[in-house]
Amino acid sequence: MTDSVKPRARAADKRRRLAIEAARILHEQGVERTTLADIARAADVPVGNVYYYFKTKDELVLAALSEHSAHLDELTNRLDQLPDPRDRLKSLIEAWIDQREVAARYGCPTGTLAVELDKRADGTLDAEAGTVIRRLLEWAGHQFRALGLSDPDDHALTLISAYQGMSLLANALRDPDIMVRQGARLLHWLDSLEAPDQTT
């Protein structure tokens, strides 16, 4: 029984390695410039074996988006351990600032992928990228709601739009300090938000 489990475990490990490397390389190179051979080489999987796990490059793109989704879950689960929703939002911003060098070099992983996929004629994978961003919006909206703020979903949209904008500008200008400066403004903005007075 253990002999049959090992090949399955190895196969799952190879598939996961391919998905992780696909997420990284697609972010760094873009969909059009990335080949299956690039991903196979990075994952240390023979290129012929890639087709056993993923029949097309689009399937690998979907796997990469699943990795972005898993990374988002990991991040928000960690942030949810903080008792105060304002601290959760501030820690999210600090995580963005910590990634300033990556943002300046390649932009936001999910945002850049969504923009690139949107330019394709088939219009299916871009919806998947949008799903990951929508989940982040929903999580942020939940935090603003927990703070008792009016228009929590609009606050979430403001926050995530600011992140996408500062990532894009940091990337376009190759200036990681944009993430630092704009992140500081977002932290100040969060501190300035007050719930409506319920006593009147």
C-alpha atoms as a PDB file:
ATOM      1  CA  MET A   1       0.000   0.000   0.000  1.00  0.00           C
ATOM      2  CA  THR A   2       2.774   2.454   0.838  1.00  0.00           C
ATOM      3  CA  ASP A   3       4.417   1.717  -2.536  1.00  0.00           C
ATOM      4  CA  SER A   4       1.300   2.948  -4.362  1.00  0.00           C
ATOM      5  CA  VAL A   5       1.052   6.026  -2.151  1.00  0.00           C
ATOM      6  CA  LYS A   6       4.612   7.159  -2.913  1.00  0.00           C
ATOM      7  CA  PRO A   7       4.106   7.613  -6.682  1.00  0.00           C
ATOM      8  CA  ARG A   8       0.883   9.554  -5.997  1.00  0.00           C
ATOM      9  CA  ALA A   9       2.681  11.731  -3.459  1.00  0.00           C
ATOM     10  CA  ARG A  10       5.541  12.335  -5.900  1.00  0.00           C
ATOM     11  CA  ALA A  11       3.062  13.212  -8.644  1.00  0.00           C
ATOM     12  CA  ALA A  12       1.251  15.667  -6.354  1.00  0.00           C
ATOM     13  CA  ASP A  13       4.611  17.189  -5.383  1.00  0.00           C
ATOM     14  CA  LYS A  14       5.616  17.657  -9.048  1.00  0.00           C
ATOM     15  CA  ARG A  15       2.254  19.174  -9.900  1.00  0.00           C
ATOM     16  CA  ARG A  16       2.520  21.595  -6.982  1.00  0.00           C
ATOM     17  CA  ARG A  17       6.096  22.551  -7.902  1.00  0.00           C
ATOM     18  CA  LEU A  18       4.968  23.275 -11.448  1.00  0.00           C
ATOM     19  CA  ALA A  19       2.072  25.432 -10.182  1.00  0.00           C
ATOM     20  CA  ILE A  20       4.321  27.379  -7.784  1.00  0.00           C
ATOM     21  CA  GLU A  21       6.921  28.048 -10.469  1.00  0.00           C
ATOM     22  CA  ALA A  22       4.196  28.939 -12.978  1.00  0.00           C
ATOM     23  CA  ALA A  23       2.881  31.577 -10.566  1.00  0.00           C
ATOM     24  CA  ARG A  24       6.365  33.051 -10.116  1.00  0.00           C
ATOM     25  CA  ILE A  25       7.504  32.967 -13.746  1.00  0.00           C
ATOM     26  CA  LEU A  26       4.206  34.192 -15.214  1.00  0.00           C
ATOM     27  CA  HIS A  27       4.446  37.136 -12.804  1.00  0.00           C
ATOM     28  CA  GLU A  28       8.031  37.873 -13.804  1.00  0.00           C
ATOM     29  CA  GLN A  29       7.800  37.253 -17.562  1.00  0.00           C
ATOM     30  CA  GLY A  30       4.122  37.487 -18.466  1.00  0.00           C
ATOM     31  CA  VAL A  31       1.955  34.837 -20.104  1.00  0.00           C
ATOM     32  CA  GLU A  32       3.008  35.379 -23.709  1.00  0.00           C
ATOM     33  CA  ARG A  33       6.765  35.331 -23.031  1.00  0.00           C
ATOM     34  CA  THR A  34       6.622  32.251 -20.781  1.00  0.00           C
ATOM     35  CA  THR A  35       6.971  28.755 -22.246  1.00  0.00           C
ATOM     36  CA  LEU A  36       6.156  25.406 -20.688  1.00  0.00           C
ATOM     37  CA  ALA A  37       9.886  24.661 -20.916  1.00  0.00           C
ATOM     38  CA  ASP A  38      10.641  27.725 -18.735  1.00  0.00           C
ATOM     39  CA  ILE A  39       8.300  26.459 -16.039  1.00  0.00           C
ATOM     40  CA  ALA A  40       9.478  22.847 -16.303  1.00  0.00           C
ATOM     41  CA  ARG A  41      13.109  23.924 -15.943  1.00  0.00           C
ATOM     42  CA  ALA A  42      12.364  26.073 -12.878  1.00  0.00           C
ATOM     43  CA  ALA A  43      10.349  23.245 -11.265  1.00  0.00           C
ATOM     44  CA  ASP A  44      13.055  20.688 -12.094  1.00  0.00           C
ATOM     45  CA  VAL A  45      10.548  18.561 -14.017  1.00  0.00           C
ATOM     46  CA  PRO A  46      11.356  17.127 -17.473  1.00  0.00           C
ATOM     47  CA  VAL A  47       9.463  19.201 -20.030  1.00  0.00           C
ATOM     48  CA  GLY A  48       7.810  16.090 -21.487  1.00  0.00           C
ATOM     49  CA  ASN A  49       6.328  15.326 -18.064  1.00  0.00           C
ATOM     50  CA  VAL A  50       4.567  18.690 -17.893  1.00  0.00           C
ATOM     51  CA  TYR A  51       1.875  17.445 -20.269  1.00  0.00           C
ATOM     52  CA  TYR A  52       1.056  14.635 -17.852  1.00  0.00           C
ATOM     53  CA  TYR A  53      -0.066  17.249 -15.313  1.00  0.00           C
ATOM     54  CA  PHE A  54      -1.157  20.142 -17.532  1.00  0.00           C
ATOM     55  CA  LYS A  55      -2.365  19.610 -21.098  1.00  0.00           C
ATOM     56  CA  THR A  56      -2.046  23.270 -22.116  1.00  0.00           C
ATOM     57  CA  LYS A  57      -0.394  26.463 -20.987  1.00  0.00           C
ATOM     58  CA  ASP A  58      -3.837  27.795 -20.043  1.00  0.00           C
ATOM     59  CA  GLU A  59      -4.160  24.966 -17.502  1.00  0.00           C
ATOM     60  CA  LEU A  60      -0.845  26.077 -16.012  1.00  0.00           C
ATOM     61  CA  VAL A  61      -2.103  29.669 -15.885  1.00  0.00           C
ATOM     62  CA  LEU A  62      -5.162  28.417 -13.975  1.00  0.00           C
ATOM     63  CA  ALA A  63      -2.866  26.543 -11.597  1.00  0.00           C
ATOM     64  CA  ALA A  64      -0.832  29.727 -11.105  1.00  0.00           C
ATOM     65  CA  LEU A  65      -4.017  31.639 -10.276  1.00  0.00           C
ATOM     66  CA  SER A  66      -4.880  28.926  -7.751  1.00  0.00           C
ATOM     67  CA  GLU A  67      -1.468  29.514  -6.170  1.00  0.00           C
ATOM     68  CA  HIS A  68      -2.216  33.251  -5.932  1.00  0.00           C
ATOM     69  CA  SER A  69      -5.554  32.366  -4.339  1.00  0.00           C
ATOM     70  CA  ALA A  70      -3.861  30.011  -1.854  1.00  0.00           C
ATOM     71  CA  HIS A  71      -1.312  32.719  -1.010  1.00  0.00           C
ATOM     72  CA  LEU A  72      -4.161  35.184  -0.402  1.00  0.00           C
ATOM     73  CA  ASP A  73      -5.903  32.657   1.893  1.00  0.00           C
ATOM     74  CA  GLU A  74      -2.673  32.119   3.804  1.00  0.00           C
ATOM     75  CA  LEU A  75      -2.189  35.862   4.236  1.00  0.00           C
ATOM     76  CA  THR A  76      -5.768  36.658   5.281  1.00  0.00           C
ATOM     77  CA  ASN A  77      -5.877  33.662   7.656  1.00  0.00           C
ATOM     78  CA  ARG A  78      -2.733  34.997   9.331  1.00  0.00           C
ATOM     79  CA  LEU A  79      -4.186  38.518   9.501  1.00  0.00           C
ATOM     80  CA  ASP A  80      -7.446  37.166  10.939  1.00  0.00           C
ATOM     81  CA  GLN A  81      -5.490  36.074  14.028  1.00  0.00           C
ATOM     82  CA  LEU A  82      -5.194  39.767  14.954  1.00  0.00           C
ATOM     83  CA  PRO A  83      -8.090  40.787  17.235  1.00  0.00           C
ATOM     84  CA  ASP A  84      -8.635  44.288  15.791  1.00  0.00           C
ATOM     85  CA  PRO A  85      -9.915  44.702  12.197  1.00  0.00           C
ATOM     86  CA  ARG A  86      -8.033  48.000  11.838  1.00  0.00           C
ATOM     87  CA  ASP A  87      -4.805  46.211  12.753  1.00  0.00           C
ATOM     88  CA  ARG A  88      -5.621  43.518  10.184  1.00  0.00           C
ATOM     89  CA  LEU A  89      -5.968  46.151   7.459  1.00  0.00           C
ATOM     90  CA  LYS A  90      -2.805  47.930   8.577  1.00  0.00           C
ATOM     91  CA  SER A  91      -0.889  44.653   8.555  1.00  0.00           C
ATOM     92  CA  LEU A  92      -2.148  44.018   5.018  1.00  0.00           C
ATOM     93  CA  ILE A  93      -0.739  47.384   3.925  1.00  0.00           C
ATOM     94  CA  GLU A  94       2.541  46.630   5.699  1.00  0.00           C
ATOM     95  CA  ALA A  95       2.724  43.321   3.810  1.00  0.00           C
ATOM     96  CA  TRP A  96       2.336  45.261   0.555  1.00  0.00           C
ATOM     97  CA  ILE A  97       5.117  47.623   1.591  1.00  0.00           C
ATOM     98  CA  ASP A  98       7.341  44.649   2.433  1.00  0.00           C
ATOM     99  CA  GLN A  99       6.899  43.461  -1.167  1.00  0.00           C
ATOM    100  CA  ARG A 100       7.956  46.841  -2.603  1.00  0.00           C
ATOM    101  CA  GLU A 101      11.003  45.506  -4.473  1.00  0.00           C
ATOM    102  CA  VAL A 102       8.934  42.806  -6.183  1.00  0.00           C
ATOM    103  CA  ALA A 103       6.184  45.328  -7.009  1.00  0.00           C
ATOM    104  CA  ALA A 104       8.720  47.758  -8.482  1.00  0.00           C
ATOM    105  CA  ARG A 105      10.186  45.032 -10.668  1.00  0.00           C
ATOM    106  CA  TYR A 106       7.065  43.128 -11.744  1.00  0.00           C
ATOM    107  CA  GLY A 107       3.902  44.826 -10.404  1.00  0.00           C
ATOM    108  CA  CYS A 108       1.103  43.131  -8.459  1.00  0.00           C
ATOM    109  CA  PRO A 109       1.088  39.377  -9.230  1.00  0.00           C
ATOM    110  CA  THR A 110      -2.671  39.045  -9.689  1.00  0.00           C
ATOM    111  CA  GLY A 111      -3.295  42.529 -11.087  1.00  0.00           C
ATOM    112  CA  THR A 112      -0.691  42.275 -13.851  1.00  0.00           C
ATOM    113  CA  LEU A 113      -1.936  38.802 -14.772  1.00  0.00           C
ATOM    114  CA  ALA A 114      -5.554  40.037 -14.906  1.00  0.00           C
ATOM    115  CA  VAL A 115      -4.587  42.919 -17.225  1.00  0.00           C
ATOM    116  CA  GLU A 116      -2.599  40.665 -19.548  1.00  0.00           C
ATOM    117  CA  LEU A 117      -5.276  37.970 -19.681  1.00  0.00           C
ATOM    118  CA  ASP A 118      -7.958  40.579 -20.393  1.00  0.00           C
ATOM    119  CA  LYS A 119      -6.254  41.390 -23.700  1.00  0.00           C
ATOM    120  CA  ARG A 120      -6.750  37.845 -24.982  1.00  0.00           C
ATOM    121  CA  ALA A 121      -9.622  37.101 -27.331  1.00  0.00           C
ATOM    122  CA  ASP A 122     -11.108  34.109 -25.456  1.00  0.00           C
ATOM    123  CA  GLY A 123     -11.907  36.094 -22.289  1.00  0.00           C
ATOM    124  CA  THR A 124     -12.093  33.187 -19.837  1.00  0.00           C
ATOM    125  CA  LEU A 125      -8.922  33.263 -17.745  1.00  0.00           C
ATOM    126  CA  ASP A 126      -9.243  36.983 -16.967  1.00  0.00           C
ATOM    127  CA  ALA A 127     -12.458  36.205 -15.067  1.00  0.00           C
ATOM    128  CA  GLU A 128     -10.479  33.757 -12.919  1.00  0.00           C
ATOM    129  CA  ALA A 129      -7.911  36.455 -12.107  1.00  0.00           C
ATOM    130  CA  GLY A 130     -10.770  38.816 -11.244  1.00  0.00           C
ATOM    131  CA  THR A 131     -12.116  36.233  -8.794  1.00  0.00           C
ATOM    132  CA  VAL A 132      -8.912  36.398  -6.719  1.00  0.00           C
ATOM    133  CA  ILE A 133      -9.082  40.214  -6.580  1.00  0.00           C
ATOM    134  CA  ARG A 134     -12.794  40.070  -5.702  1.00  0.00           C
ATOM    135  CA  ARG A 135     -12.020  37.805  -2.738  1.00  0.00           C
ATOM    136  CA  LEU A 136      -9.523  40.346  -1.426  1.00  0.00           C
ATOM    137  CA  LEU A 137     -12.150  43.082  -1.829  1.00  0.00           C
ATOM    138  CA  GLU A 138     -14.669  40.989   0.106  1.00  0.00           C
ATOM    139  CA  TRP A 139     -12.177  40.324   2.910  1.00  0.00           C
ATOM    140  CA  ALA A 140     -11.311  44.025   3.180  1.00  0.00           C
ATOM    141  CA  GLY A 141     -15.011  44.952   3.107  1.00  0.00           C
ATOM    142  CA  HIS A 142     -15.596  42.576   6.014  1.00  0.00           C
ATOM    143  CA  GLN A 143     -12.893  44.374   8.039  1.00  0.00           C
ATOM    144  CA  PHE A 144     -14.380  47.805   7.382  1.00  0.00           C
ATOM    145  CA  ARG A 145     -17.815  46.435   8.311  1.00  0.00           C
ATOM    146  CA  ALA A 146     -16.378  45.093  11.582  1.00  0.00           C
ATOM    147  CA  LEU A 147     -15.113  48.614  12.307  1.00  0.00           C
ATOM    148  CA  GLY A 148     -18.701  49.862  12.079  1.00  0.00           C
ATOM    149  CA  LEU A 149     -17.935  52.147   9.135  1.00  0.00           C
ATOM    150  CA  SER A 150     -20.596  53.183   6.680  1.00  0.00           C
ATOM    151  CA  ASP A 151     -20.027  52.137   3.054  1.00  0.00           C
ATOM    152  CA  PRO A 152     -17.588  49.341   3.968  1.00  0.00           C
ATOM    153  CA  ASP A 153     -17.471  47.978   0.424  1.00  0.00           C
ATOM    154  CA  ASP A 154     -16.593  51.420  -0.949  1.00  0.00           C
ATOM    155  CA  HIS A 155     -13.786  51.708   1.614  1.00  0.00           C
ATOM    156  CA  ALA A 156     -12.534  48.280   0.482  1.00  0.00           C
ATOM    157  CA  LEU A 157     -12.622  49.440  -3.141  1.00  0.00           C
ATOM    158  CA  THR A 158     -10.643  52.565  -2.218  1.00  0.00           C
ATOM    159  CA  LEU A 159      -8.018  50.487  -0.412  1.00  0.00           C
ATOM    160  CA  ILE A 160      -7.538  47.832  -3.116  1.00  0.00           C
ATOM    161  CA  SER A 161      -7.630  50.448  -5.898  1.00  0.00           C
ATOM    162  CA  ALA A 162      -4.878  52.350  -4.088  1.00  0.00           C
ATOM    163  CA  TYR A 163      -2.812  49.165  -3.861  1.00  0.00           C
ATOM    164  CA  GLN A 164      -3.234  48.388  -7.549  1.00  0.00           C
ATOM    165  CA  GLY A 165      -2.376  51.980  -8.460  1.00  0.00           C
ATOM    166  CA  MET A 166       0.743  52.181  -6.333  1.00  0.00           C
ATOM    167  CA  SER A 167       1.910  48.764  -7.576  1.00  0.00           C
ATOM    168  CA  LEU A 168       1.443  49.861 -11.174  1.00  0.00           C
ATOM    169  CA  LEU A 169       3.300  53.152 -10.645  1.00  0.00           C
ATOM    170  CA  ALA A 170       6.107  51.516  -8.661  1.00  0.00           C
ATOM    171  CA  ASN A 171       6.510  49.062 -11.535  1.00  0.00           C
ATOM    172  CA  ALA A 172       6.238  51.637 -14.328  1.00  0.00           C
ATOM    173  CA  LEU A 173       8.723  53.973 -12.650  1.00  0.00           C
ATOM    174  CA  ARG A 174      10.867  51.167 -11.151  1.00  0.00           C
ATOM    175  CA  ASP A 175      10.587  52.992  -7.825  1.00  0.00           C
ATOM    176  CA  PRO A 176       9.888  50.838  -4.725  1.00  0.00           C
ATOM    177  CA  ASP A 177       9.717  53.995  -2.594  1.00  0.00           C
ATOM    178  CA  ILE A 178       6.295  54.693  -4.136  1.00  0.00           C
ATOM    179  CA  MET A 179       5.000  51.675  -2.202  1.00  0.00           C
ATOM    180  CA  VAL A 180       6.505  53.077   1.011  1.00  0.00           C
ATOM    181  CA  ARG A 181       5.109  56.587   0.582  1.00  0.00           C
ATOM    182  CA  GLN A 182       1.658  55.565  -0.582  1.00  0.00           C
ATOM    183  CA  GLY A 183       1.517  52.798   2.014  1.00  0.00           C
ATOM    184  CA  ALA A 184       2.186  55.402   4.730  1.00  0.00           C
ATOM    185  CA  ARG A 185      -0.674  57.530   3.341  1.00  0.00           C
ATOM    186  CA  LEU A 186      -3.007  54.508   3.469  1.00  0.00           C
ATOM    187  CA  LEU A 187      -2.008  53.784   7.068  1.00  0.00           C
ATOM    188  CA  HIS A 188      -2.741  57.418   7.979  1.00  0.00           C
ATOM    189  CA  TRP A 189      -6.077  57.200   6.131  1.00  0.00           C
ATOM    190  CA  LEU A 190      -7.038  54.073   8.103  1.00  0.00           C
ATOM    191  CA  ASP A 191      -6.231  55.826  11.377  1.00  0.00           C
ATOM    192  CA  SER A 192      -8.435  58.765  10.366  1.00  0.00           C
ATOM    193  CA  LEU A 193     -11.552  56.655   9.734  1.00  0.00           C
ATOM    194  CA  GLU A 194     -14.152  56.854  12.502  1.00  0.00           C
ATOM    195  CA  ALA A 195     -17.373  54.930  12.820  1.00  0.00           C
ATOM    196  CA  PRO A 196     -20.519  57.097  12.761  1.00  0.00           C
ATOM    197  CA  ASP A 197     -21.641  58.289  16.210  1.00  0.00           C
ATOM    198  CA  GLN A 198     -24.435  55.941  17.300  1.00  0.00           C
ATOM    199  CA  THR A 199     -25.544  58.095  20.252  1.00  0.00           C
ATOM    200  CA  THR A 200     -27.554  60.621  18.224  1.00  0.00           C
END
